[in-house]
Amino acid sequence: MKKRYLATILIGVLLVAVAMAWWLRPKERPPLVIGALPAPCRDLTFEAVPYVICEIGLNSYDIGIFHAGGDGKPFGSLEAFDKAMKEQGRPMLLAMNGGMYHEDLTPVGLLVEEGSEKAPLNLADAEGNFFLKPNGLFLVGRDGKAAVMDSGAYAAAKPDSIFATQSGPMLVIDGALHPRFEQNGTSRYIRNGVGVRDGHTVVLAISRSEVSLGSFARLFRDALSCPNALFLDGVVSALSDGDRMIIGGKYPAGPIIAVSAKKAAQ
């Protein structure tokens, strides 16, 4: 009886050991992806935070803002957008979430898509990052030039935009950091934004790890030489290369900023 009891204990110990060995086995690492970033993009570390930076020369690339498909329904995610563009024969080199949205994915602020205003300019006061004044817009004019400007300036100038998306807060305004930012606040998230170096150079940035708004703004001003830059979003920030996600997951998306190869002149 005693021997049988000891044998049972031994078997139990062996089973536990086998289970532990399986659980602690070396995990397979995912293969390294060579050439993982889209052509206009590069890795950059600034103030110990890693980023993907995409510098879009408008002489070489087309950039646009997209929200809904032919059925009028929001694409809803970068993955769905990339799939739809492929099916239309319009593959994108990269796509990034491009502005804040309500629960139904409608834009919180102005959206101009292919020259048509889909949502109006929002100058209201309320809580949240979007309303941390000054907020602003990223736009591409009918003249082919890009700009980032604060919402009040946009309302006064009423530029002729073919694409525009409103978000907030502004990160950099005419070379100055947003006046409400702390040097390095305690709010830290994966974040993405857009800056304009000049009328023909757009700079998209997304962090690979959490960053404060203050540090993110300094990235655009000090490392990327953008006199004006706009915060797009945090937490749901994502970047794809047209085939797969580079940063972020299956997050919802309202407006989407996308880049494609320049169309040849007809």
Protein backbone atom coordinates (compact mmCIF):
# COMPACT_ATOMS: atom_id res chain seq x y z
CA MET A 1 0.00 0.00 0.00
CA LYS A 2 2.82 2.33 0.95
CA LYS A 3 4.72 1.53 -2.28
CA ARG A 4 1.61 2.24 -4.34
CA TYR A 5 1.20 5.60 -2.57
CA LEU A 6 4.84 6.56 -3.27
CA ALA A 7 4.49 5.52 -6.91
CA THR A 8 1.43 7.78 -7.27
CA ILE A 9 3.34 10.71 -5.81
CA LEU A 10 6.29 10.04 -8.15
CA ILE A 11 4.04 9.94 -11.21
CA GLY A 12 2.45 13.22 -10.10
CA VAL A 13 5.87 14.85 -9.71
CA LEU A 14 6.93 13.62 -13.17
CA LEU A 15 3.76 14.99 -14.75
CA VAL A 16 4.32 18.37 -13.14
CA ALA A 17 7.95 18.38 -14.32
CA VAL A 18 6.90 17.56 -17.90
CA ALA A 19 4.28 20.31 -17.83
CA MET A 20 6.78 22.84 -16.51
CA ALA A 21 9.34 21.86 -19.15
CA TRP A 22 6.75 22.39 -21.89
CA TRP A 23 5.65 25.73 -20.46
CA LEU A 24 9.22 27.00 -20.12
CA ARG A 25 10.36 25.75 -23.52
CA PRO A 26 12.11 28.37 -25.70
CA LYS A 27 9.46 30.28 -27.60
CA GLU A 28 9.87 30.61 -31.35
CA ARG A 29 10.73 34.17 -32.31
CA PRO A 30 9.00 35.73 -35.31
CA PRO A 31 11.28 36.01 -38.33
CA LEU A 32 13.01 39.34 -38.89
CA VAL A 33 11.41 41.30 -41.71
CA ILE A 34 13.91 42.82 -44.11
CA GLY A 35 12.95 46.18 -45.61
CA ALA A 36 10.01 46.46 -43.24
CA LEU A 37 9.39 50.19 -43.69
CA PRO A 38 7.71 51.82 -46.69
CA ALA A 39 10.06 53.62 -49.09
CA PRO A 40 9.64 57.17 -47.68
CA CYS A 41 10.07 56.02 -44.06
CA ARG A 42 12.95 55.52 -41.65
CA ASP A 43 13.58 54.77 -37.99
CA LEU A 44 14.64 57.59 -35.70
CA THR A 45 15.23 57.83 -31.96
CA PHE A 46 14.65 61.21 -30.29
CA GLU A 47 14.88 61.84 -26.54
CA ALA A 48 15.17 58.04 -26.03
CA VAL A 49 11.85 57.38 -27.81
CA PRO A 50 11.90 55.31 -31.05
CA TYR A 51 9.84 56.55 -34.00
CA VAL A 52 9.01 55.77 -37.58
CA ILE A 53 9.34 58.94 -39.64
CA CYS A 54 7.93 59.22 -43.16
CA GLU A 55 9.04 62.23 -45.21
CA ILE A 56 6.72 62.70 -48.16
CA GLY A 57 8.04 64.81 -51.03
CA LEU A 58 4.98 65.86 -52.99
CA ASN A 59 6.99 65.93 -56.21
CA SER A 60 7.43 62.16 -55.88
CA TYR A 61 4.33 61.02 -53.97
CA ASP A 62 0.61 61.71 -53.80
CA ILE A 63 -0.93 62.17 -50.36
CA GLY A 64 -4.64 62.17 -49.62
CA ILE A 65 -7.21 61.88 -46.86
CA PHE A 66 -9.84 59.15 -47.03
CA HIS A 67 -12.77 58.20 -44.85
CA ALA A 68 -15.51 56.26 -46.65
CA GLY A 69 -15.83 53.84 -49.52
CA GLY A 70 -18.15 53.93 -52.50
CA ASP A 71 -21.02 52.75 -50.30
CA GLY A 72 -20.65 55.83 -48.10
CA LYS A 73 -19.63 53.78 -45.08
CA PRO A 74 -16.38 54.51 -43.22
CA PHE A 75 -13.54 52.13 -44.01
CA GLY A 76 -13.28 51.67 -40.25
CA SER A 77 -9.67 50.47 -40.06
CA LEU A 78 -6.38 50.66 -41.93
CA GLU A 79 -6.65 46.99 -42.84
CA ALA A 80 -10.07 47.47 -44.42
CA PHE A 81 -8.84 50.59 -46.23
CA ASP A 82 -5.76 48.83 -47.64
CA LYS A 83 -7.90 45.94 -48.86
CA ALA A 84 -10.38 48.29 -50.53
CA MET A 85 -7.62 50.24 -52.28
CA LYS A 86 -6.08 47.05 -53.65
CA GLU A 87 -9.44 45.90 -54.97
CA GLN A 88 -9.80 49.25 -56.74
CA GLY A 89 -6.34 48.94 -58.27
CA ARG A 90 -5.05 51.84 -56.14
CA PRO A 91 -2.50 50.24 -53.79
CA MET A 92 -1.07 52.55 -51.13
CA LEU A 93 2.56 52.77 -50.02
CA LEU A 94 1.54 53.66 -46.49
CA ALA A 95 -1.52 54.64 -44.48
CA MET A 96 -1.94 56.20 -41.04
CA ASN A 97 -4.95 57.12 -38.91
CA GLY A 98 -5.55 60.77 -39.71
CA GLY A 99 -7.87 62.46 -37.24
CA MET A 100 -10.21 62.02 -34.29
CA TYR A 101 -13.67 60.51 -34.65
CA HIS A 102 -16.92 59.86 -32.81
CA GLU A 103 -18.15 56.39 -31.82
CA ASP A 104 -19.82 55.99 -35.22
CA LEU A 105 -16.45 56.84 -36.88
CA THR A 106 -17.65 60.22 -38.18
CA PRO A 107 -14.99 62.95 -37.90
CA VAL A 108 -14.99 65.25 -34.88
CA GLY A 109 -13.87 68.16 -37.07
CA LEU A 110 -13.50 69.27 -40.67
CA LEU A 111 -13.03 66.63 -43.33
CA VAL A 112 -12.51 67.46 -47.00
CA GLU A 113 -12.18 64.46 -49.30
CA GLU A 114 -11.51 64.83 -53.05
CA GLY A 115 -12.54 68.49 -52.84
CA SER A 116 -15.88 67.74 -51.16
CA GLU A 117 -16.56 68.84 -47.57
CA LYS A 118 -17.79 65.78 -45.67
CA ALA A 119 -17.80 67.30 -42.18
CA PRO A 120 -17.73 70.98 -41.09
CA LEU A 121 -15.04 72.93 -39.27
CA ASN A 122 -15.41 72.52 -35.49
CA LEU A 123 -14.52 75.63 -33.46
CA ALA A 124 -16.37 74.57 -30.30
CA ASP A 125 -14.91 74.49 -26.79
CA ALA A 126 -15.04 71.19 -24.92
CA GLU A 127 -12.92 68.66 -23.04
CA GLY A 128 -10.29 66.40 -24.60
CA ASN A 129 -7.21 66.68 -26.79
CA PHE A 130 -9.13 67.76 -29.88
CA PHE A 131 -10.36 70.89 -28.08
CA LEU A 132 -7.03 71.82 -26.48
CA LYS A 133 -6.79 75.16 -28.32
CA PRO A 134 -5.21 75.95 -30.60
CA ASN A 135 -6.19 72.89 -32.57
CA GLY A 136 -5.66 72.76 -36.31
CA LEU A 137 -5.79 71.17 -39.72
CA PHE A 138 -3.61 69.34 -42.17
CA LEU A 139 -4.54 70.13 -45.75
CA VAL A 140 -3.50 69.76 -49.35
CA GLY A 141 -4.62 72.65 -51.54
CA ARG A 142 -5.76 72.53 -55.14
CA ASP A 143 -2.41 74.11 -55.97
CA GLY A 144 -0.74 70.89 -54.76
CA LYS A 145 0.86 72.49 -51.71
CA ALA A 146 0.45 71.11 -48.18
CA ALA A 147 -0.02 73.07 -44.97
CA VAL A 148 -0.69 72.69 -41.26
CA MET A 149 -2.52 75.68 -39.74
CA ASP A 150 -4.55 76.42 -36.65
CA SER A 151 -8.31 76.21 -36.99
CA GLY A 152 -8.89 79.94 -36.50
CA ALA A 153 -6.48 80.78 -39.31
CA TYR A 154 -8.21 78.25 -41.55
CA ALA A 155 -11.61 79.78 -40.81
CA ALA A 156 -10.29 83.24 -41.69
CA ALA A 157 -8.35 82.25 -44.82
CA LYS A 158 -10.83 79.67 -46.17
CA PRO A 159 -8.17 77.99 -48.35
CA ASP A 160 -9.27 75.99 -51.39
CA SER A 161 -8.49 72.48 -50.15
CA ILE A 162 -8.77 69.23 -52.01
CA PHE A 163 -7.97 67.27 -48.84
CA ALA A 164 -8.20 68.41 -45.22
CA THR A 165 -8.54 66.85 -41.78
CA GLN A 166 -8.98 68.65 -38.45
CA SER A 167 -7.49 67.40 -35.20
CA GLY A 168 -5.92 68.72 -32.05
CA PRO A 169 -4.01 69.99 -30.37
CA MET A 170 -1.48 71.74 -32.57
CA LEU A 171 2.00 70.54 -31.61
CA VAL A 172 4.04 73.35 -33.15
CA ILE A 173 2.67 76.77 -34.18
CA ASP A 174 4.98 78.95 -36.29
CA GLY A 175 8.03 77.43 -34.61
CA ALA A 176 6.68 77.60 -31.04
CA LEU A 177 5.49 74.66 -28.96
CA HIS A 178 1.85 74.54 -27.90
CA PRO A 179 1.59 76.87 -24.88
CA ARG A 180 -0.37 74.35 -22.78
CA PHE A 181 2.24 71.57 -22.96
CA GLU A 182 4.39 70.64 -20.01
CA GLN A 183 8.06 69.92 -20.58
CA ASN A 184 7.41 66.21 -20.10
CA GLY A 185 3.91 65.52 -18.85
CA THR A 186 2.81 62.31 -17.17
CA SER A 187 0.35 61.41 -19.98
CA ARG A 188 2.23 58.88 -22.12
CA TYR A 189 0.84 57.02 -25.14
CA ILE A 190 1.83 55.76 -28.54
CA ARG A 191 1.14 58.89 -30.61
CA ASN A 192 1.13 60.00 -34.24
CA GLY A 193 1.12 63.36 -35.94
CA VAL A 194 1.81 65.31 -39.11
CA GLY A 195 4.06 68.27 -39.82
CA VAL A 196 4.83 70.34 -42.89
CA ARG A 197 8.42 71.40 -43.49
CA ASP A 198 7.47 73.44 -46.54
CA GLY A 199 4.66 73.40 -49.08
CA HIS A 200 6.10 70.37 -50.83
CA THR A 201 7.31 68.28 -47.86
CA VAL A 202 4.97 66.51 -45.44
CA VAL A 203 6.38 64.67 -42.42
CA LEU A 204 4.39 61.89 -40.74
CA ALA A 205 5.60 60.52 -37.40
CA ILE A 206 4.45 57.69 -35.14
CA SER A 207 6.12 56.56 -31.94
CA ARG A 208 7.00 52.94 -31.27
CA SER A 209 6.66 53.47 -27.50
CA GLU A 210 4.82 55.83 -25.17
CA VAL A 211 5.72 59.52 -25.34
CA SER A 212 4.54 62.77 -23.75
CA LEU A 213 2.97 65.52 -25.85
CA GLY A 214 5.85 67.86 -24.96
CA SER A 215 8.52 65.49 -26.24
CA PHE A 216 6.43 64.64 -29.31
CA ALA A 217 6.13 68.34 -30.17
CA ARG A 218 9.90 68.85 -29.78
CA LEU A 219 10.45 65.98 -32.20
CA PHE A 220 8.69 67.92 -34.95
CA ARG A 221 10.31 71.26 -34.13
CA ASP A 222 13.86 70.24 -33.23
CA ALA A 223 14.52 66.98 -35.09
CA LEU A 224 12.22 67.23 -38.11
CA SER A 225 12.41 71.00 -38.77
CA CYS A 226 8.64 71.46 -39.06
CA PRO A 227 7.50 75.00 -38.13
CA ASN A 228 3.93 73.72 -37.90
CA ALA A 229 2.76 70.30 -36.75
CA LEU A 230 -0.51 68.71 -35.67
CA PHE A 231 -1.34 65.91 -33.25
CA LEU A 232 -3.48 63.24 -34.90
CA ASP A 233 -4.22 60.73 -32.11
CA GLY A 234 -2.90 58.45 -29.40
CA VAL A 235 -3.59 54.90 -28.19
CA VAL A 236 -5.15 53.93 -31.55
CA SER A 237 -2.19 55.26 -33.56
CA ALA A 238 -1.31 52.88 -36.39
CA LEU A 239 0.77 52.66 -39.55
CA SER A 240 0.49 50.18 -42.44
CA ASP A 241 2.48 49.65 -45.62
CA GLY A 242 -0.49 48.69 -47.79
CA ASP A 243 -0.06 44.98 -47.03
CA ARG A 244 0.36 44.69 -43.27
CA MET A 245 0.45 46.63 -40.04
CA ILE A 246 3.83 48.05 -39.04
CA ILE A 247 2.68 49.75 -35.83
CA GLY A 248 -0.68 49.24 -34.14
CA GLY A 249 -3.30 46.57 -34.48
CA LYS A 250 -6.87 46.26 -35.62
CA TYR A 251 -7.79 49.65 -34.23
CA PRO A 252 -10.79 51.59 -35.51
CA ALA A 253 -10.01 54.55 -37.77
CA GLY A 254 -12.00 57.56 -38.91
CA PRO A 255 -10.12 59.78 -41.38
CA ILE A 256 -7.06 58.09 -42.92
CA ILE A 257 -3.97 59.77 -44.40
CA ALA A 258 -2.53 57.66 -47.21
CA VAL A 259 0.42 57.95 -49.57
CA SER A 260 0.79 56.47 -53.04
CA ALA A 261 3.29 56.69 -55.88
CA LYS A 262 2.95 59.85 -57.98
CA LYS A 263 0.66 59.39 -60.94
CA ALA A 264 2.40 59.90 -64.27
CA ALA A 265 1.26 62.95 -66.21
CA GLN A 266 -1.22 62.09 -68.94
